[in-house]
Amino acid sequence: MKRIILTSFLAVGLFFAGCSDQSSIVSPSQNISQQQNKTPIELNLKTLNKKITATKNIDGSVGGTIEIKGSLDGGDITLNGKLNIPAGAFEGTLEISATLDDHTASFDFGPSPTSFNKALSFTMTISGLDLSAINPNDVVFGYTAPNGTFSLISYDNVNVDVNSGTLSVTNAHLLHFSRYNWVK
């Protein structure tokens, strides 16, 4: 009887040890690094605005492009970008959306959660922001998890032009949908 109880405790202990968040064997390959205390860049809007959303039905076997354009603050802040979905990124047809957050330079992609067989490519420029208090060398682009953990993702380039108030990211590689943003 003691042997059965001891074996049960060991089995339960091994089960919980195997489910630990510290495991790196199954960590997503998209995460280059995880960083705490990263702050999303604020839009600092002067007027009440509607969210800017682009939505399109995409056949995963064919792929496609979603253009994301719009303006805020009476045209003072503009955004112009594209989400390219390669053929074979997913099976079936999805209604894909990209929405600019109304407070930060963040995009929520949906439907969430959705993972992809091939990386999607996101390129975006937002102009007309007040970036005077930002060190351009500190700005990166990545994924922010619901718990607030920021994970840097791969991309070709992030550009910050403080003089023109422009943020841009070129060919950010999205392997799943959720929230992506520029942080400092």
N, C-alpha and C. Protein backbone atom coordinates (compact mmCIF):
# COMPACT_ATOMS: atom_id res chain seq x y z
N MET A 1 0.82 -1.18 0.00
CA MET A 1 0.00 0.00 0.00
C MET A 1 0.87 1.26 0.00
N LYS A 2 1.93 1.26 0.83
CA LYS A 2 2.84 2.40 0.87
C LYS A 2 3.48 2.62 -0.49
N ARG A 3 3.82 1.55 -1.19
CA ARG A 3 4.45 1.63 -2.51
C ARG A 3 3.49 2.29 -3.51
N ILE A 4 2.21 1.97 -3.45
CA ILE A 4 1.23 2.54 -4.37
C ILE A 4 1.09 4.05 -4.11
N ILE A 5 1.02 4.43 -2.85
CA ILE A 5 0.90 5.84 -2.50
C ILE A 5 2.14 6.61 -2.92
N LEU A 6 3.33 6.05 -2.65
CA LEU A 6 4.58 6.69 -3.03
C LEU A 6 4.67 6.84 -4.54
N THR A 7 4.30 5.80 -5.28
CA THR A 7 4.32 5.84 -6.74
C THR A 7 3.35 6.89 -7.27
N SER A 8 2.19 7.00 -6.65
CA SER A 8 1.19 7.99 -7.07
C SER A 8 1.72 9.41 -6.86
N PHE A 9 2.33 9.66 -5.69
CA PHE A 9 2.91 10.98 -5.44
C PHE A 9 4.02 11.32 -6.44
N LEU A 10 4.88 10.36 -6.74
CA LEU A 10 5.95 10.60 -7.72
C LEU A 10 5.38 10.89 -9.10
N ALA A 11 4.35 10.14 -9.50
CA ALA A 11 3.75 10.35 -10.83
C ALA A 11 3.13 11.74 -10.91
N VAL A 12 2.41 12.15 -9.86
CA VAL A 12 1.80 13.48 -9.85
C VAL A 12 2.88 14.56 -9.86
N GLY A 13 3.94 14.37 -9.09
CA GLY A 13 5.05 15.34 -9.06
C GLY A 13 5.72 15.48 -10.41
N LEU A 14 5.98 14.37 -11.09
CA LEU A 14 6.59 14.42 -12.42
C LEU A 14 5.66 15.09 -13.42
N PHE A 15 4.35 14.82 -13.30
CA PHE A 15 3.39 15.45 -14.20
C PHE A 15 3.44 16.97 -14.08
N PHE A 16 3.40 17.47 -12.83
CA PHE A 16 3.43 18.92 -12.63
C PHE A 16 4.78 19.52 -13.01
N ALA A 17 5.86 18.83 -12.80
CA ALA A 17 7.19 19.33 -13.20
C ALA A 17 7.27 19.43 -14.71
N GLY A 18 6.67 18.49 -15.42
CA GLY A 18 6.68 18.51 -16.89
C GLY A 18 5.83 19.61 -17.46
N CYS A 19 4.85 20.10 -16.70
CA CYS A 19 3.96 21.16 -17.17
C CYS A 19 4.45 22.54 -16.79
N SER A 20 5.65 22.65 -16.28
CA SER A 20 6.19 23.92 -15.83
C SER A 20 6.32 24.91 -16.97
N ASP A 21 6.09 26.18 -16.68
CA ASP A 21 6.28 27.25 -17.67
C ASP A 21 7.74 27.46 -18.02
N GLN A 22 8.65 26.85 -17.29
CA GLN A 22 10.08 27.05 -17.51
C GLN A 22 10.61 26.20 -18.65
N SER A 23 9.81 25.34 -19.22
CA SER A 23 10.27 24.45 -20.28
C SER A 23 10.59 25.25 -21.53
N SER A 24 11.76 25.02 -22.10
CA SER A 24 12.13 25.72 -23.33
C SER A 24 12.05 24.80 -24.54
N ILE A 25 11.71 23.55 -24.34
CA ILE A 25 11.65 22.61 -25.45
C ILE A 25 10.54 22.97 -26.42
N VAL A 26 9.42 23.45 -25.91
CA VAL A 26 8.28 23.74 -26.77
C VAL A 26 8.02 25.23 -26.93
N SER A 27 8.98 26.06 -26.62
CA SER A 27 8.78 27.50 -26.77
C SER A 27 8.61 27.86 -28.23
N PRO A 28 7.74 28.85 -28.52
CA PRO A 28 7.53 29.23 -29.92
C PRO A 28 8.82 29.69 -30.58
N SER A 29 9.04 29.27 -31.81
CA SER A 29 10.26 29.64 -32.52
C SER A 29 10.24 31.10 -32.94
N GLN A 30 9.04 31.74 -32.94
CA GLN A 30 8.95 33.12 -33.34
C GLN A 30 9.57 34.06 -32.32
N ASN A 31 9.53 33.70 -31.06
CA ASN A 31 10.05 34.58 -30.02
C ASN A 31 11.57 34.65 -30.07
N ILE A 32 12.09 35.82 -30.35
CA ILE A 32 13.53 36.01 -30.34
C ILE A 32 13.97 36.33 -28.93
N SER A 33 13.21 37.15 -28.24
CA SER A 33 13.49 37.45 -26.84
C SER A 33 12.21 37.92 -26.18
N GLN A 34 12.14 37.70 -24.88
CA GLN A 34 11.01 38.21 -24.11
C GLN A 34 11.54 39.27 -23.18
N GLN A 35 10.83 40.38 -23.12
CA GLN A 35 11.30 41.50 -22.33
C GLN A 35 10.15 42.06 -21.50
N GLN A 36 10.44 42.34 -20.25
CA GLN A 36 9.47 42.99 -19.38
C GLN A 36 9.71 44.49 -19.44
N ASN A 37 8.77 45.24 -18.92
CA ASN A 37 8.89 46.69 -18.79
C ASN A 37 9.04 47.41 -20.12
N LYS A 38 8.49 46.87 -21.17
CA LYS A 38 8.45 47.57 -22.45
C LYS A 38 7.12 48.29 -22.52
N THR A 39 7.15 49.56 -22.92
CA THR A 39 5.95 50.39 -22.95
C THR A 39 5.52 50.63 -24.39
N PRO A 40 4.25 50.35 -24.71
CA PRO A 40 3.75 50.65 -26.06
C PRO A 40 3.84 52.15 -26.34
N ILE A 41 4.13 52.50 -27.56
CA ILE A 41 4.20 53.90 -27.95
C ILE A 41 2.78 54.45 -28.08
N GLU A 42 2.53 55.56 -27.42
CA GLU A 42 1.20 56.18 -27.40
C GLU A 42 0.93 56.96 -28.68
N LEU A 43 -0.35 57.01 -29.08
CA LEU A 43 -0.75 57.81 -30.24
C LEU A 43 -0.97 59.27 -29.85
N ASN A 44 -1.32 59.53 -28.58
CA ASN A 44 -1.57 60.89 -28.08
C ASN A 44 -2.54 61.66 -28.97
N LEU A 45 -3.72 61.10 -29.16
CA LEU A 45 -4.74 61.73 -29.99
C LEU A 45 -5.36 62.92 -29.29
N LYS A 46 -5.67 63.95 -30.07
CA LYS A 46 -6.28 65.16 -29.52
C LYS A 46 -7.81 65.12 -29.62
N THR A 47 -8.33 64.30 -30.53
CA THR A 47 -9.77 64.23 -30.74
C THR A 47 -10.25 62.79 -30.59
N LEU A 48 -11.56 62.65 -30.39
CA LEU A 48 -12.17 61.33 -30.30
C LEU A 48 -12.21 60.73 -31.69
N ASN A 49 -11.72 59.52 -31.82
CA ASN A 49 -11.64 58.90 -33.14
C ASN A 49 -12.27 57.52 -33.13
N LYS A 50 -12.68 57.09 -34.30
CA LYS A 50 -13.13 55.72 -34.47
C LYS A 50 -11.90 54.87 -34.75
N LYS A 51 -11.99 53.59 -34.40
CA LYS A 51 -10.89 52.69 -34.71
C LYS A 51 -10.81 52.47 -36.22
N ILE A 52 -9.59 52.29 -36.68
CA ILE A 52 -9.38 51.99 -38.10
C ILE A 52 -9.22 50.49 -38.23
N THR A 53 -10.08 49.87 -39.03
CA THR A 53 -10.06 48.43 -39.22
C THR A 53 -10.12 48.11 -40.71
N ALA A 54 -9.34 47.12 -41.12
CA ALA A 54 -9.41 46.58 -42.47
C ALA A 54 -9.75 45.10 -42.34
N THR A 55 -10.73 44.65 -43.12
CA THR A 55 -11.19 43.26 -43.06
C THR A 55 -11.35 42.73 -44.47
N LYS A 56 -10.95 41.45 -44.63
CA LYS A 56 -11.09 40.83 -45.95
C LYS A 56 -11.15 39.31 -45.79
N ASN A 57 -11.98 38.66 -46.61
CA ASN A 57 -12.01 37.20 -46.66
C ASN A 57 -10.85 36.72 -47.51
N ILE A 58 -10.06 35.81 -46.95
CA ILE A 58 -8.89 35.29 -47.65
C ILE A 58 -8.98 33.77 -47.72
N ASP A 59 -8.78 33.24 -48.92
CA ASP A 59 -8.68 31.79 -49.13
C ASP A 59 -7.23 31.41 -48.85
N GLY A 60 -7.01 30.58 -47.84
CA GLY A 60 -5.66 30.22 -47.42
C GLY A 60 -4.85 29.53 -48.49
N SER A 61 -5.49 28.80 -49.40
CA SER A 61 -4.74 28.11 -50.45
C SER A 61 -4.24 29.08 -51.52
N VAL A 62 -4.89 30.23 -51.64
CA VAL A 62 -4.53 31.23 -52.65
C VAL A 62 -3.68 32.35 -52.04
N GLY A 63 -4.01 32.75 -50.79
CA GLY A 63 -3.34 33.88 -50.16
C GLY A 63 -3.96 35.19 -50.60
N GLY A 64 -3.35 36.29 -50.23
CA GLY A 64 -3.88 37.59 -50.62
C GLY A 64 -3.23 38.71 -49.84
N THR A 65 -3.73 39.91 -50.04
CA THR A 65 -3.20 41.11 -49.40
C THR A 65 -4.34 41.93 -48.82
N ILE A 66 -4.14 42.43 -47.62
CA ILE A 66 -5.09 43.36 -47.00
C ILE A 66 -4.38 44.70 -46.85
N GLU A 67 -4.96 45.73 -47.43
CA GLU A 67 -4.40 47.08 -47.28
C GLU A 67 -5.06 47.75 -46.08
N ILE A 68 -4.23 48.40 -45.28
CA ILE A 68 -4.70 49.05 -44.06
C ILE A 68 -4.33 50.53 -44.18
N LYS A 69 -5.35 51.37 -44.38
CA LYS A 69 -5.11 52.80 -44.57
C LYS A 69 -6.12 53.59 -43.76
N GLY A 70 -5.72 54.80 -43.38
CA GLY A 70 -6.66 55.66 -42.69
C GLY A 70 -5.97 56.85 -42.06
N SER A 71 -6.78 57.68 -41.40
CA SER A 71 -6.23 58.84 -40.72
C SER A 71 -7.01 59.09 -39.43
N LEU A 72 -6.32 59.76 -38.52
CA LEU A 72 -6.88 60.12 -37.22
C LEU A 72 -6.58 61.58 -36.94
N ASP A 73 -7.22 62.14 -35.94
CA ASP A 73 -7.00 63.53 -35.54
C ASP A 73 -7.15 64.49 -36.72
N GLY A 74 -8.23 64.36 -37.46
CA GLY A 74 -8.50 65.25 -38.59
C GLY A 74 -7.48 65.15 -39.69
N GLY A 75 -6.82 64.02 -39.82
CA GLY A 75 -5.83 63.82 -40.87
C GLY A 75 -4.40 64.06 -40.44
N ASP A 76 -4.21 64.51 -39.19
CA ASP A 76 -2.85 64.77 -38.71
C ASP A 76 -2.03 63.48 -38.59
N ILE A 77 -2.68 62.39 -38.21
CA ILE A 77 -2.01 61.10 -38.09
C ILE A 77 -2.53 60.20 -39.20
N THR A 78 -1.60 59.64 -39.98
CA THR A 78 -2.00 58.76 -41.08
C THR A 78 -1.32 57.40 -40.93
N LEU A 79 -1.99 56.38 -41.44
CA LEU A 79 -1.36 55.07 -41.48
C LEU A 79 -1.58 54.45 -42.84
N ASN A 80 -0.57 53.70 -43.26
CA ASN A 80 -0.59 53.07 -44.57
C ASN A 80 0.22 51.78 -44.47
N GLY A 81 -0.43 50.66 -44.72
CA GLY A 81 0.28 49.41 -44.62
C GLY A 81 -0.40 48.27 -45.33
N LYS A 82 0.27 47.11 -45.29
CA LYS A 82 -0.24 45.91 -45.94
C LYS A 82 0.07 44.69 -45.09
N LEU A 83 -0.84 43.76 -45.13
CA LEU A 83 -0.64 42.43 -44.57
C LEU A 83 -0.69 41.47 -45.75
N ASN A 84 0.46 40.83 -46.03
CA ASN A 84 0.54 39.87 -47.14
C ASN A 84 0.42 38.45 -46.59
N ILE A 85 -0.53 37.69 -47.13
CA ILE A 85 -0.77 36.32 -46.72
C ILE A 85 -0.32 35.42 -47.87
N PRO A 86 0.73 34.62 -47.67
CA PRO A 86 1.19 33.75 -48.75
C PRO A 86 0.24 32.58 -48.97
N ALA A 87 0.22 32.05 -50.18
CA ALA A 87 -0.57 30.85 -50.48
C ALA A 87 -0.10 29.72 -49.58
N GLY A 88 -1.05 28.99 -49.01
CA GLY A 88 -0.72 27.87 -48.14
C GLY A 88 -0.48 28.25 -46.69
N ALA A 89 -0.75 29.50 -46.31
CA ALA A 89 -0.52 29.92 -44.93
C ALA A 89 -1.50 29.24 -43.96
N PHE A 90 -2.69 28.90 -44.44
CA PHE A 90 -3.69 28.21 -43.63
C PHE A 90 -4.65 27.50 -44.57
N GLU A 91 -5.46 26.63 -44.00
CA GLU A 91 -6.46 25.90 -44.79
C GLU A 91 -7.81 26.59 -44.67
N GLY A 92 -8.59 26.53 -45.75
CA GLY A 92 -9.93 27.11 -45.73
C GLY A 92 -9.91 28.60 -45.98
N THR A 93 -11.04 29.23 -45.66
CA THR A 93 -11.20 30.67 -45.83
C THR A 93 -11.41 31.32 -44.47
N LEU A 94 -10.73 32.43 -44.25
CA LEU A 94 -10.87 33.18 -43.00
C LEU A 94 -11.20 34.63 -43.31
N GLU A 95 -12.04 35.23 -42.47
CA GLU A 95 -12.23 36.67 -42.52
C GLU A 95 -11.16 37.26 -41.61
N ILE A 96 -10.18 37.89 -42.21
CA ILE A 96 -9.02 38.41 -41.47
C ILE A 96 -9.21 39.91 -41.26
N SER A 97 -8.90 40.35 -40.03
CA SER A 97 -9.04 41.77 -39.72
C SER A 97 -7.76 42.29 -39.07
N ALA A 98 -7.51 43.57 -39.28
CA ALA A 98 -6.41 44.28 -38.63
C ALA A 98 -6.99 45.60 -38.13
N THR A 99 -6.86 45.84 -36.81
CA THR A 99 -7.44 47.03 -36.20
C THR A 99 -6.36 47.79 -35.43
N LEU A 100 -6.22 49.07 -35.74
CA LEU A 100 -5.32 49.95 -35.00
C LEU A 100 -5.96 50.27 -33.66
N ASP A 101 -5.22 50.08 -32.58
CA ASP A 101 -5.69 50.44 -31.25
C ASP A 101 -5.92 51.95 -31.21
N ASP A 102 -6.90 52.40 -30.43
CA ASP A 102 -7.19 53.83 -30.41
C ASP A 102 -6.37 54.61 -29.38
N HIS A 103 -5.39 53.96 -28.73
CA HIS A 103 -4.53 54.67 -27.77
C HIS A 103 -3.04 54.48 -28.04
N THR A 104 -2.67 53.31 -28.57
CA THR A 104 -1.25 53.01 -28.78
C THR A 104 -1.00 52.61 -30.23
N ALA A 105 0.27 52.60 -30.61
CA ALA A 105 0.67 52.17 -31.95
C ALA A 105 0.69 50.65 -31.97
N SER A 106 -0.51 50.07 -31.82
CA SER A 106 -0.68 48.62 -31.72
C SER A 106 -1.74 48.16 -32.70
N PHE A 107 -1.58 46.95 -33.20
CA PHE A 107 -2.56 46.35 -34.09
C PHE A 107 -3.04 45.04 -33.52
N ASP A 108 -4.35 44.87 -33.52
CA ASP A 108 -4.96 43.60 -33.14
C ASP A 108 -5.38 42.90 -34.42
N PHE A 109 -4.85 41.69 -34.61
CA PHE A 109 -5.18 40.90 -35.78
C PHE A 109 -6.12 39.78 -35.38
N GLY A 110 -7.03 39.45 -36.26
CA GLY A 110 -7.97 38.38 -35.96
C GLY A 110 -8.33 37.60 -37.20
N PRO A 111 -8.92 36.45 -37.02
CA PRO A 111 -9.41 35.94 -35.74
C PRO A 111 -8.26 35.44 -34.88
N SER A 112 -8.43 35.65 -33.59
CA SER A 112 -7.39 35.25 -32.64
C SER A 112 -7.95 34.21 -31.70
N PRO A 113 -7.24 33.17 -31.36
CA PRO A 113 -5.90 32.84 -31.82
C PRO A 113 -5.95 32.06 -33.13
N THR A 114 -5.10 32.40 -34.04
CA THR A 114 -4.91 31.67 -35.29
C THR A 114 -3.43 31.57 -35.53
N SER A 115 -2.94 30.36 -35.82
CA SER A 115 -1.54 30.14 -36.16
C SER A 115 -1.44 29.80 -37.63
N PHE A 116 -0.26 30.01 -38.21
CA PHE A 116 -0.11 29.84 -39.64
C PHE A 116 0.99 28.85 -39.99
N ASN A 117 0.83 28.21 -41.15
CA ASN A 117 1.83 27.28 -41.67
C ASN A 117 3.03 28.02 -42.25
N LYS A 118 2.79 29.22 -42.75
CA LYS A 118 3.84 30.09 -43.30
C LYS A 118 3.67 31.47 -42.69
N ALA A 119 4.76 32.16 -42.49
CA ALA A 119 4.70 33.50 -41.89
C ALA A 119 4.00 34.48 -42.82
N LEU A 120 3.15 35.33 -42.23
CA LEU A 120 2.54 36.43 -42.94
C LEU A 120 3.50 37.61 -42.84
N SER A 121 3.43 38.53 -43.78
CA SER A 121 4.33 39.68 -43.79
C SER A 121 3.52 40.95 -43.57
N PHE A 122 3.90 41.72 -42.54
CA PHE A 122 3.20 42.95 -42.18
C PHE A 122 4.16 44.13 -42.33
N THR A 123 3.74 45.11 -43.13
CA THR A 123 4.50 46.34 -43.33
C THR A 123 3.58 47.51 -43.03
N MET A 124 4.02 48.44 -42.19
CA MET A 124 3.14 49.54 -41.79
C MET A 124 3.96 50.79 -41.51
N THR A 125 3.37 51.93 -41.86
CA THR A 125 3.93 53.24 -41.52
C THR A 125 2.83 54.07 -40.87
N ILE A 126 3.14 54.65 -39.72
CA ILE A 126 2.24 55.60 -39.06
C ILE A 126 2.99 56.92 -38.98
N SER A 127 2.39 58.00 -39.49
CA SER A 127 3.04 59.32 -39.52
C SER A 127 2.20 60.33 -38.76
N GLY A 128 2.87 61.39 -38.29
CA GLY A 128 2.20 62.48 -37.61
C GLY A 128 2.15 62.33 -36.10
N LEU A 129 2.97 61.44 -35.55
CA LEU A 129 3.00 61.20 -34.11
C LEU A 129 3.98 62.15 -33.43
N ASP A 130 3.77 62.40 -32.15
CA ASP A 130 4.73 63.16 -31.36
C ASP A 130 5.70 62.15 -30.75
N LEU A 131 6.87 62.02 -31.34
CA LEU A 131 7.88 61.07 -30.90
C LEU A 131 9.06 61.78 -30.23
N SER A 132 8.89 63.04 -29.85
CA SER A 132 9.99 63.84 -29.34
C SER A 132 10.61 63.28 -28.06
N ALA A 133 9.86 62.53 -27.28
CA ALA A 133 10.39 61.99 -26.02
C ALA A 133 10.91 60.57 -26.17
N ILE A 134 11.07 60.12 -27.41
CA ILE A 134 11.46 58.73 -27.65
C ILE A 134 12.89 58.66 -28.19
N ASN A 135 13.66 57.73 -27.65
CA ASN A 135 14.98 57.43 -28.21
C ASN A 135 14.77 56.42 -29.33
N PRO A 136 15.02 56.79 -30.59
CA PRO A 136 14.78 55.88 -31.71
C PRO A 136 15.50 54.54 -31.58
N ASN A 137 16.64 54.52 -30.89
CA ASN A 137 17.39 53.28 -30.75
C ASN A 137 16.73 52.28 -29.80
N ASP A 138 15.76 52.73 -29.01
CA ASP A 138 15.07 51.86 -28.06
C ASP A 138 13.81 51.22 -28.63
N VAL A 139 13.37 51.66 -29.81
CA VAL A 139 12.10 51.21 -30.37
C VAL A 139 12.27 49.90 -31.12
N VAL A 140 11.39 48.95 -30.80
CA VAL A 140 11.35 47.65 -31.48
C VAL A 140 9.89 47.30 -31.76
N PHE A 141 9.68 46.26 -32.56
CA PHE A 141 8.34 45.82 -32.92
C PHE A 141 8.20 44.36 -32.54
N GLY A 142 7.04 43.99 -32.01
CA GLY A 142 6.84 42.61 -31.64
C GLY A 142 5.44 42.32 -31.15
N TYR A 143 5.33 41.21 -30.45
CA TYR A 143 4.06 40.67 -29.96
C TYR A 143 3.94 40.94 -28.47
N THR A 144 2.78 41.41 -28.03
CA THR A 144 2.50 41.57 -26.61
C THR A 144 1.43 40.58 -26.21
N ALA A 145 1.79 39.68 -25.32
CA ALA A 145 0.87 38.65 -24.83
C ALA A 145 -0.16 39.28 -23.89
N PRO A 146 -1.29 38.59 -23.67
CA PRO A 146 -2.30 39.12 -22.76
C PRO A 146 -1.78 39.40 -21.35
N ASN A 147 -0.72 38.70 -20.92
CA ASN A 147 -0.16 38.95 -19.58
C ASN A 147 0.81 40.13 -19.57
N GLY A 148 1.01 40.80 -20.72
CA GLY A 148 1.87 41.97 -20.80
C GLY A 148 3.30 41.69 -21.21
N THR A 149 3.67 40.41 -21.35
CA THR A 149 5.02 40.06 -21.77
C THR A 149 5.20 40.42 -23.24
N PHE A 150 6.27 41.12 -23.54
CA PHE A 150 6.57 41.52 -24.91
C PHE A 150 7.60 40.55 -25.50
N SER A 151 7.35 40.09 -26.73
CA SER A 151 8.30 39.22 -27.43
C SER A 151 8.67 39.86 -28.76
N LEU A 152 9.94 40.10 -28.93
CA LEU A 152 10.45 40.62 -30.18
C LEU A 152 10.26 39.57 -31.26
N ILE A 153 9.81 39.99 -32.45
CA ILE A 153 9.66 39.06 -33.57
C ILE A 153 10.63 39.48 -34.67
N SER A 154 10.79 38.63 -35.66
CA SER A 154 11.71 38.99 -36.74
C SER A 154 11.02 39.94 -37.73
N TYR A 155 11.79 40.86 -38.25
CA TYR A 155 11.34 41.82 -39.25
C TYR A 155 12.57 42.31 -39.99
N ASP A 156 12.34 42.92 -41.15
CA ASP A 156 13.47 43.44 -41.93
C ASP A 156 14.00 44.75 -41.36
N ASN A 157 13.08 45.63 -40.92
CA ASN A 157 13.52 46.94 -40.49
C ASN A 157 12.45 47.62 -39.63
N VAL A 158 12.88 48.35 -38.62
CA VAL A 158 12.03 49.29 -37.89
C VAL A 158 12.69 50.64 -38.04
N ASN A 159 11.90 51.64 -38.40
CA ASN A 159 12.44 52.99 -38.57
C ASN A 159 11.64 53.95 -37.70
N VAL A 160 12.35 54.84 -37.04
CA VAL A 160 11.73 55.88 -36.22
C VAL A 160 12.31 57.21 -36.68
N ASP A 161 11.46 58.09 -37.22
CA ASP A 161 11.89 59.42 -37.62
C ASP A 161 11.22 60.41 -36.68
N VAL A 162 11.96 60.88 -35.69
CA VAL A 162 11.42 61.77 -34.67
C VAL A 162 10.96 63.08 -35.29
N ASN A 163 11.70 63.60 -36.27
CA ASN A 163 11.37 64.89 -36.89
C ASN A 163 10.02 64.86 -37.60
N SER A 164 9.72 63.80 -38.34
CA SER A 164 8.44 63.72 -39.05
C SER A 164 7.37 62.98 -38.24
N GLY A 165 7.76 62.42 -37.09
CA GLY A 165 6.82 61.68 -36.26
C GLY A 165 6.36 60.39 -36.91
N THR A 166 7.30 59.68 -37.53
CA THR A 166 6.96 58.48 -38.28
C THR A 166 7.55 57.23 -37.66
N LEU A 167 6.70 56.22 -37.51
CA LEU A 167 7.10 54.87 -37.11
C LEU A 167 6.84 53.96 -38.30
N SER A 168 7.76 53.04 -38.57
CA SER A 168 7.49 52.06 -39.62
C SER A 168 8.14 50.74 -39.27
N VAL A 169 7.53 49.69 -39.79
CA VAL A 169 8.08 48.34 -39.70
C VAL A 169 7.95 47.74 -41.10
N THR A 170 8.99 47.03 -41.52
CA THR A 170 8.99 46.41 -42.85
C THR A 170 9.11 44.90 -42.69
N ASN A 171 8.18 44.21 -43.32
CA ASN A 171 8.16 42.74 -43.36
C ASN A 171 8.29 42.09 -41.99
N ALA A 172 7.42 42.49 -41.06
CA ALA A 172 7.34 41.80 -39.77
C ALA A 172 6.73 40.43 -40.05
N HIS A 173 7.32 39.39 -39.50
CA HIS A 173 6.90 38.01 -39.76
C HIS A 173 5.93 37.56 -38.67
N LEU A 174 4.65 37.45 -39.04
CA LEU A 174 3.62 37.05 -38.09
C LEU A 174 3.32 35.56 -38.27
N LEU A 175 3.54 34.79 -37.21
CA LEU A 175 3.23 33.36 -37.25
C LEU A 175 1.92 33.03 -36.55
N HIS A 176 1.33 34.02 -35.90
CA HIS A 176 0.02 33.85 -35.28
C HIS A 176 -0.62 35.23 -35.16
N PHE A 177 -1.93 35.24 -34.91
CA PHE A 177 -2.64 36.50 -34.75
C PHE A 177 -2.86 36.82 -33.28
N SER A 178 -2.69 38.06 -32.97
CA SER A 178 -2.95 38.61 -31.65
C SER A 178 -2.61 40.10 -31.73
N ARG A 179 -1.93 40.65 -30.71
CA ARG A 179 -1.57 42.07 -30.68
C ARG A 179 -0.09 42.24 -30.98
N TYR A 180 0.20 43.13 -31.94
CA TYR A 180 1.57 43.48 -32.32
C TYR A 180 1.72 44.98 -32.21
N ASN A 181 2.91 45.44 -31.75
CA ASN A 181 3.06 46.87 -31.56
C ASN A 181 4.52 47.30 -31.50
N TRP A 182 4.69 48.62 -31.63
CA TRP A 182 5.97 49.25 -31.41
C TRP A 182 6.06 49.54 -29.91
N VAL A 183 7.20 49.28 -29.33
CA VAL A 183 7.41 49.58 -27.91
C VAL A 183 8.74 50.31 -27.74
N LYS A 184 8.85 50.95 -26.59
CA LYS A 184 10.10 51.64 -26.24
C LYS A 184 10.62 51.11 -24.94
